Protein backbone atom coordinates (compact mmCIF):
# COMPACT_ATOMS: atom_id res chain seq x y z
CA MET A 1 251.42 54.90 -57.32
CA GLY A 2 253.23 56.16 -60.41
CA LEU A 3 251.34 58.52 -62.68
CA GLY A 4 253.58 58.23 -65.74
CA PRO A 5 256.98 59.53 -66.95
CA LEU A 6 257.69 63.25 -66.92
CA HIS A 7 258.40 63.40 -70.66
CA THR A 8 254.90 62.01 -71.35
CA VAL A 9 252.71 63.29 -68.50
CA SER A 10 252.81 67.02 -67.87
CA LEU A 11 252.73 68.49 -64.38
CA SER A 12 249.17 69.73 -64.87
CA ASP A 13 248.02 66.30 -66.08
CA ALA A 14 249.74 64.67 -63.12
CA ARG A 15 247.87 66.98 -60.73
CA VAL A 16 244.55 65.97 -62.34
CA LYS A 17 245.41 62.27 -62.11
CA ALA A 18 246.50 62.65 -58.49
CA THR A 19 243.24 64.40 -57.64
CA ASP A 20 241.24 61.60 -59.28
CA CYS A 21 243.19 58.99 -57.28
CA ARG A 22 242.63 60.84 -54.01
CA GLN A 23 238.89 61.01 -54.74
CA LEU A 24 238.86 57.22 -55.29
CA ARG A 25 240.69 56.71 -51.99
CA LEU A 26 238.20 59.00 -50.27
CA ALA A 27 235.41 56.78 -51.64
CA GLY A 28 237.18 53.68 -50.23
CA VAL A 29 238.41 52.44 -53.60
CA ASP A 30 242.02 51.43 -54.31
CA PRO A 31 243.12 53.37 -57.44
CA ILE A 32 245.83 50.79 -58.20
CA GLU A 33 243.23 48.03 -58.37
CA VAL A 34 241.06 50.22 -60.60
CA ARG A 35 244.00 50.65 -62.97
CA LYS A 36 244.67 46.89 -62.98
CA GLU A 37 241.04 46.21 -63.81
CA GLY A 38 241.25 48.68 -66.67
CA VAL A 39 244.32 46.94 -68.08
CA ALA A 40 242.61 43.56 -67.78
CA ALA A 41 239.49 44.88 -69.49
CA ALA A 42 241.60 46.28 -72.34
CA ARG A 43 243.38 42.96 -72.69
CA LEU A 44 240.06 41.12 -72.81
CA GLU A 45 238.81 43.56 -75.42
CA SER A 46 241.81 42.82 -77.60
CA ALA A 47 241.27 39.11 -76.99
CA LYS A 48 237.95 39.23 -78.80
CA ALA A 49 239.88 38.19 -81.89
CA ILE A 50 241.05 35.03 -80.05
CA THR A 51 238.45 32.41 -80.79
CA PHE A 52 238.01 29.16 -78.90
CA LYS A 53 239.47 27.28 -81.85
CA ASP A 54 242.51 29.59 -81.90
CA ALA A 55 243.01 28.94 -78.19
CA ALA A 56 242.56 25.17 -78.60
CA GLU A 57 245.07 24.97 -81.46
CA ALA A 58 247.56 27.04 -79.46
CA TYR A 59 247.05 24.75 -76.45
CA ILE A 60 247.68 21.64 -78.56
CA GLU A 61 250.88 23.06 -80.07
CA THR A 62 252.11 24.17 -76.63
CA HIS A 63 251.60 20.74 -75.08
CA ARG A 64 252.47 18.54 -78.07
CA ALA A 65 256.09 18.06 -76.96
CA GLY A 66 254.98 16.81 -73.54
CA TRP A 67 252.61 14.16 -74.87
CA ARG A 68 254.12 10.67 -75.05
CA ASN A 69 252.04 9.55 -77.99
CA ALA A 70 252.17 11.48 -81.26
CA LYS A 71 248.57 10.43 -81.94
CA HIS A 72 247.39 12.35 -78.88
CA ALA A 73 247.31 15.68 -80.72
CA ASN A 74 245.29 14.13 -83.54
CA GLN A 75 242.82 12.69 -81.03
CA TRP A 76 242.42 16.10 -79.42
CA ARG A 77 241.75 17.74 -82.75
CA ALA A 78 239.37 15.00 -83.87
CA THR A 79 237.13 15.21 -80.79
CA LEU A 80 237.14 19.01 -80.63
CA ASP A 81 236.49 19.26 -84.36
CA ALA A 82 233.56 16.84 -84.14
CA TYR A 83 231.86 18.13 -80.99
CA ALA A 84 233.26 21.42 -79.63
CA TYR A 85 234.16 23.51 -82.69
CA PRO A 86 230.66 23.46 -84.25
CA VAL A 87 229.37 25.26 -81.14
CA LEU A 88 232.40 27.09 -79.71
CA GLY A 89 234.96 27.25 -82.49
CA SER A 90 234.25 30.69 -83.95
CA LEU A 91 233.25 32.35 -80.66
CA PRO A 92 235.61 34.52 -78.60
CA VAL A 93 237.19 32.34 -75.95
CA GLN A 94 236.20 34.90 -73.32
CA GLY A 95 232.55 34.42 -74.28
CA VAL A 96 232.35 30.69 -73.55
CA ASP A 97 229.90 30.19 -70.69
CA VAL A 98 228.05 27.33 -68.98
CA ALA A 99 225.15 27.38 -71.44
CA LEU A 100 227.50 26.94 -74.39
CA VAL A 101 229.44 24.15 -72.70
CA MET A 102 226.19 22.35 -71.94
CA LYS A 103 225.16 22.79 -75.58
CA VAL A 104 228.30 20.83 -76.52
CA LEU A 105 227.93 18.08 -73.91
CA GLU A 106 224.22 17.38 -73.48
CA PRO A 107 223.61 15.81 -76.92
CA ILE A 108 226.35 13.20 -76.37
CA TRP A 109 226.51 12.76 -72.60
CA THR A 110 224.23 9.72 -72.46
CA SER A 111 224.90 8.21 -75.90
CA LYS A 112 228.69 8.69 -76.06
CA THR A 113 229.57 9.07 -72.42
CA GLU A 114 233.31 8.31 -72.60
CA THR A 115 233.79 10.61 -75.58
CA ALA A 116 231.74 13.35 -73.91
CA ALA A 117 233.88 13.11 -70.78
CA ARG A 118 237.03 13.53 -72.85
CA VAL A 119 235.55 16.51 -74.68
CA ARG A 120 234.60 18.15 -71.37
CA GLY A 121 238.11 17.68 -69.99
CA ARG A 122 239.68 19.09 -73.13
CA VAL A 123 237.40 22.12 -73.18
CA GLU A 124 238.25 22.72 -69.52
CA SER A 125 241.98 22.55 -70.26
CA VAL A 126 241.70 24.99 -73.17
CA LEU A 127 239.74 27.48 -71.06
CA ASP A 128 242.24 27.17 -68.19
CA TRP A 129 245.04 27.89 -70.67
CA ALA A 130 243.15 30.92 -71.97
CA SER A 131 242.66 32.23 -68.43
CA ALA A 132 246.35 31.78 -67.63
CA ARG A 133 247.25 33.72 -70.78
CA GLY A 134 244.90 36.54 -69.82
CA TYR A 135 242.33 35.87 -72.55
CA ARG A 136 239.45 35.32 -70.12
CA LEU A 137 238.39 36.20 -66.58
CA GLY A 138 236.24 34.33 -64.09
CA GLY A 139 235.71 30.66 -63.34
CA ASN A 140 235.91 27.76 -65.76
CA PRO A 141 232.42 26.81 -67.04
CA ALA A 142 233.65 23.32 -68.05
CA ARG A 143 234.86 22.44 -64.54
CA TRP A 144 233.32 19.19 -63.27
CA ARG A 145 233.79 19.12 -59.49
CA GLY A 146 231.37 21.40 -57.71
CA HIS A 147 230.00 22.65 -61.02
CA LEU A 148 228.96 20.49 -64.00
CA GLU A 149 228.54 17.50 -61.68
CA ASN A 150 225.41 19.32 -60.49
CA LEU A 151 224.09 19.68 -64.04
CA LEU A 152 224.96 16.33 -65.63
CA PRO A 153 224.48 12.76 -64.34
CA LYS A 154 227.63 10.96 -63.23
CA ARG A 155 229.23 8.78 -65.87
CA ALA A 156 228.86 5.66 -63.73
CA LYS A 157 225.11 6.26 -63.53
CA VAL A 158 224.73 6.80 -67.26
CA ARG A 159 226.79 3.94 -68.56
CA ALA A 160 228.47 1.05 -66.81
CA VAL A 161 232.22 0.70 -67.33
CA GLN A 162 232.93 -1.60 -70.26
CA HIS A 163 235.82 -3.94 -69.48
CA HIS A 164 237.94 -5.55 -72.16
CA PRO A 165 236.65 -9.07 -72.95
CA ALA A 166 239.08 -11.49 -71.32
CA LEU A 167 239.73 -15.20 -71.62
CA PRO A 168 239.07 -17.16 -68.39
CA TYR A 169 242.43 -18.19 -67.03
CA GLU A 170 241.31 -21.85 -66.95
CA ASP A 171 241.20 -21.76 -70.78
CA VAL A 172 244.54 -20.06 -71.41
CA GLY A 173 246.49 -23.32 -71.79
CA GLU A 174 244.20 -24.58 -74.53
CA PHE A 175 244.30 -21.19 -76.26
CA MET A 176 248.11 -21.04 -76.11
CA ALA A 177 248.34 -24.50 -77.67
CA LEU A 178 246.27 -23.27 -80.62
CA LEU A 179 248.28 -20.04 -80.78
CA LYS A 180 251.58 -21.93 -81.07
CA ASP A 181 250.23 -23.60 -84.22
CA GLN A 182 249.73 -20.19 -85.83
CA VAL A 183 252.55 -18.90 -88.02
CA GLY A 184 253.73 -15.34 -88.51
CA THR A 185 255.01 -12.39 -86.54
CA ALA A 186 251.60 -11.48 -85.09
CA ALA A 187 251.23 -14.93 -83.54
CA ARG A 188 254.63 -14.78 -81.86
CA ALA A 189 253.98 -11.21 -80.70
CA LEU A 190 250.65 -12.19 -79.14
CA GLU A 191 252.21 -15.19 -77.42
CA PHE A 192 254.99 -12.97 -76.08
CA LEU A 193 252.43 -10.37 -74.94
CA ILE A 194 250.47 -13.00 -72.99
CA LEU A 195 253.60 -14.45 -71.37
CA THR A 196 254.82 -11.01 -70.26
CA ALA A 197 251.36 -9.55 -69.41
CA SER A 198 252.31 -6.47 -71.41
CA ARG A 199 250.36 -3.86 -73.34
CA THR A 200 250.05 -3.90 -77.13
CA GLY A 201 252.16 -0.79 -77.77
CA GLU A 202 254.92 -2.01 -75.49
CA VAL A 203 255.25 -5.24 -77.50
CA THR A 204 254.88 -3.82 -81.01
CA GLY A 205 257.40 -1.09 -80.20
CA ALA A 206 259.98 -3.41 -78.58
CA THR A 207 263.47 -3.10 -80.08
CA ARG A 208 266.46 -5.40 -79.88
CA ASP A 209 268.50 -3.02 -77.73
CA GLU A 210 265.82 -3.29 -75.02
CA ILE A 211 266.45 -7.02 -74.63
CA ASP A 212 269.19 -8.45 -72.42
CA LEU A 213 269.44 -12.05 -73.63
CA ASP A 214 272.05 -13.04 -71.04
CA GLY A 215 270.05 -11.63 -68.15
CA ALA A 216 266.67 -12.64 -69.65
CA VAL A 217 265.33 -9.12 -69.07
CA TRP A 218 263.33 -6.80 -71.28
CA THR A 219 263.65 -3.15 -70.25
CA VAL A 220 260.83 -1.00 -71.58
CA PRO A 221 261.88 2.69 -71.61
CA ALA A 222 259.82 5.25 -69.73
CA HIS A 223 258.48 6.99 -72.84
CA ARG A 224 256.74 3.77 -73.94
CA ILE A 225 255.15 2.98 -70.58
CA LYS A 226 251.79 4.34 -69.45
CA THR A 227 253.21 5.21 -66.03
CA THR A 228 256.17 7.02 -67.70
CA LYS A 229 258.58 4.97 -65.57
CA LYS A 230 261.13 2.47 -66.91
CA HIS A 231 259.83 -1.06 -66.50
CA ARG A 232 261.94 -4.23 -66.27
CA VAL A 233 260.19 -7.37 -67.47
CA PRO A 234 261.63 -10.76 -66.45
CA LEU A 235 261.53 -13.14 -69.42
CA SER A 236 260.48 -16.74 -68.88
CA ALA A 237 262.24 -19.46 -70.80
CA ARG A 238 259.52 -19.55 -73.45
CA ALA A 239 259.39 -15.74 -73.81
CA LEU A 240 263.16 -15.66 -74.23
CA SER A 241 262.94 -18.42 -76.84
CA ILE A 242 260.47 -16.33 -78.86
CA ILE A 243 262.87 -13.36 -78.81
CA GLN A 244 265.77 -15.52 -79.97
CA ASP A 245 263.71 -17.04 -82.80
CA MET A 246 262.57 -13.60 -83.96
CA GLN A 247 266.15 -12.31 -84.03
CA THR A 248 267.27 -15.10 -86.32
CA ASP A 249 264.38 -14.42 -88.71
CA SER A 250 264.96 -10.69 -89.24
CA ASN A 251 267.63 -8.01 -89.34
CA ASP A 252 265.16 -5.31 -88.33
CA ASP A 253 265.75 -3.30 -85.14
CA PHE A 254 262.23 -4.17 -84.01
CA VAL A 255 261.76 -7.47 -82.23
CA PHE A 256 258.43 -7.90 -84.01
CA PRO A 257 258.87 -6.09 -87.35
CA GLY A 258 256.00 -4.91 -89.49
CA GLY A 259 255.56 -5.06 -93.22
CA LYS A 260 258.09 -2.27 -93.88
CA LEU A 261 261.72 -2.12 -92.80
CA GLY A 262 262.13 0.10 -89.76
CA LYS A 263 258.46 -0.19 -88.76
CA GLY A 264 257.17 -2.27 -85.89
CA LEU A 265 254.19 -4.57 -86.09
CA SER A 266 250.85 -2.80 -86.51
CA ASN A 267 248.80 -2.39 -83.35
CA ALA A 268 245.89 -4.04 -85.17
CA ALA A 269 247.86 -7.13 -86.26
CA MET A 270 247.22 -9.17 -83.11
CA LEU A 271 243.53 -8.25 -83.06
CA ALA A 272 243.30 -9.39 -86.70
CA LEU A 273 244.96 -12.66 -85.67
CA LEU A 274 242.29 -13.24 -83.01
CA LYS A 275 239.62 -12.78 -85.67
CA ARG A 276 241.35 -15.32 -87.93
CA MET A 277 241.33 -17.73 -84.99
CA ASP A 278 237.57 -17.18 -84.65
CA ARG A 279 238.08 -15.48 -81.29
CA SER A 280 236.50 -12.12 -82.02
CA ASP A 281 235.00 -12.38 -78.55
CA LEU A 282 238.43 -11.52 -77.09
CA THR A 283 240.64 -8.43 -77.06
CA VAL A 284 244.42 -8.30 -76.88
CA HIS A 285 244.36 -6.11 -73.79
CA GLY A 286 242.03 -8.56 -72.08
CA PHE A 287 244.86 -11.07 -71.62
CA ARG A 288 246.25 -8.78 -68.92
CA SER A 289 243.04 -9.41 -66.98
CA THR A 290 243.46 -13.14 -67.59
CA PHE A 291 246.91 -12.98 -66.01
CA ARG A 292 245.67 -10.83 -63.11
CA ASP A 293 242.81 -13.22 -62.31
CA TRP A 294 245.17 -16.21 -62.40
CA ALA A 295 247.68 -14.49 -60.10
CA ALA A 296 244.93 -13.62 -57.60
CA GLU A 297 243.15 -16.96 -57.57
CA ARG A 298 245.85 -19.54 -58.24
CA THR A 299 248.96 -18.13 -56.54
CA ASN A 300 249.95 -16.83 -53.12
CA TYR A 301 251.96 -13.87 -54.40
CA PRO A 302 251.11 -10.54 -52.73
CA ARG A 303 248.88 -8.19 -54.68
CA GLU A 304 251.67 -5.67 -55.25
CA VAL A 305 253.79 -8.27 -57.06
CA ALA A 306 251.08 -8.88 -59.65
CA GLU A 307 250.34 -5.16 -59.94
CA MET A 308 253.99 -4.41 -60.57
CA ALA A 309 254.15 -7.20 -63.15
CA LEU A 310 251.40 -5.31 -64.99
CA ALA A 311 253.36 -2.03 -64.68
CA HIS A 312 250.45 -0.41 -62.85
CA ALA A 313 250.99 2.87 -61.07
CA VAL A 314 250.79 2.84 -57.27
CA SER A 315 247.59 4.74 -56.46
CA ASP A 316 248.39 5.14 -52.75
CA LYS A 317 250.72 8.16 -52.46
CA VAL A 318 252.14 7.02 -49.12
CA GLU A 319 252.89 3.54 -50.43
CA ALA A 320 254.43 5.03 -53.59
CA ALA A 321 256.67 7.30 -51.52
CA TYR A 322 258.11 4.41 -49.51
CA ARG A 323 258.40 1.83 -52.28
CA ARG A 324 261.90 1.81 -53.76
CA GLY A 325 262.38 -1.60 -55.37
CA ASP A 326 260.52 -3.27 -58.22
CA LEU A 327 260.15 -6.75 -56.60
CA PHE A 328 262.05 -8.13 -59.57
CA LYS A 329 263.09 -11.48 -58.09
CA LYS A 330 259.55 -12.27 -56.98
CA ARG A 331 258.21 -11.17 -60.36
CA ARG A 332 260.66 -13.47 -62.14
CA ARG A 333 259.31 -16.46 -60.23
CA LEU A 334 255.75 -15.30 -60.87
CA MET A 335 256.24 -14.96 -64.63
CA GLU A 336 257.95 -18.34 -64.90
CA GLU A 337 255.02 -19.95 -63.11
CA TRP A 338 252.64 -18.11 -65.42
CA SER A 339 254.54 -19.42 -68.44
CA GLN A 340 254.32 -22.97 -67.12
CA TYR A 341 250.60 -22.56 -66.49
CA CYS A 342 250.11 -21.25 -70.03
CA ASP A 343 251.90 -24.34 -71.34
CA THR A 344 249.46 -26.68 -69.65
CA ALA A 345 246.23 -27.19 -71.56
CA LYS A 346 243.14 -27.90 -69.47
CA ALA A 347 242.39 -31.60 -69.53
CA ALA A 348 239.05 -32.59 -70.97
CA GLY A 349 236.62 -33.77 -68.31
CA LYS A 350 235.54 -37.40 -68.29
CA VAL A 351 231.85 -37.87 -69.12
CA VAL A 352 230.10 -40.07 -66.56
CA SER A 353 226.65 -41.43 -67.30
CA MET A 354 224.07 -40.85 -64.57
CA ARG A 355 221.57 -43.42 -65.88
CA ALA A 356 220.64 -46.19 -63.44
CA GLY A 357 222.27 -49.52 -64.09
CA VAL A 358 225.04 -48.08 -66.26
């Protein structure tokens, strides 16, 4: 164990320090560990000026570059500003304990369960960051497993999962017939979204260079996919026709341009279209469920083909490790059949009288 440099620590001081260390050893205490604890305590003392809000803002700036969506940082700030900062914001990050975390979560855990869960996760991440930077010691009071799960009811018990309202697949043909009568970019974007079973952001952000007209393939880059993996989408004849029509109508780089040059269609445009069609009971994302139900109940394609068509991540790690292809040929047949199904409106049932003698 070093006692310090000769030009700073005199021989007499070194003898005193050595004696103190030997006395600690005699008492069964490691003097090196004692020194480490002293350094950590001094660091924590200096960290008193680091508030939870300071730590949270530093965390956001550190991770901003790794977040796919630029809005993510704003969402972090909005939730922390609304729920965490009023309780924790001005406090030293080292002073955040279980009681304070519960003070943040308990008022909203049953009334705003999803939001509360996000807040808990974000507080946990900030405190983990602070621990890694040496601003706090000890466990994480916002940890769920083995900790807060014993103090708060499980989310599933508090509030049932709310699924996106979806159109029954039996009604999709009739809906698509009405949709084709609608004019405007939002109508064509929604039709394209349904035919490709894609997400809103993937469609509104689609650019011309992502489309291979000759191969009838739309390649969505990894940074615009939820799974962060490039996704090839086979285009049915009708989906390809929509792309070709949109290209003749605009010189914009976006397939479905918005109101300003160089801006894609607003994420709210298709939802507004549904409202104009008097279908406020539906959501845009719900059409993915419509497709999934149809594929499961009306086709013989394996489950993984439909899941890959939806660009879902493979939850089974073993299966993910062995899967190399993207089942593209099978998915092309599937999406063409889906397009044909969407083009067939459900026939109206014939009314038969049940009165006797009729």
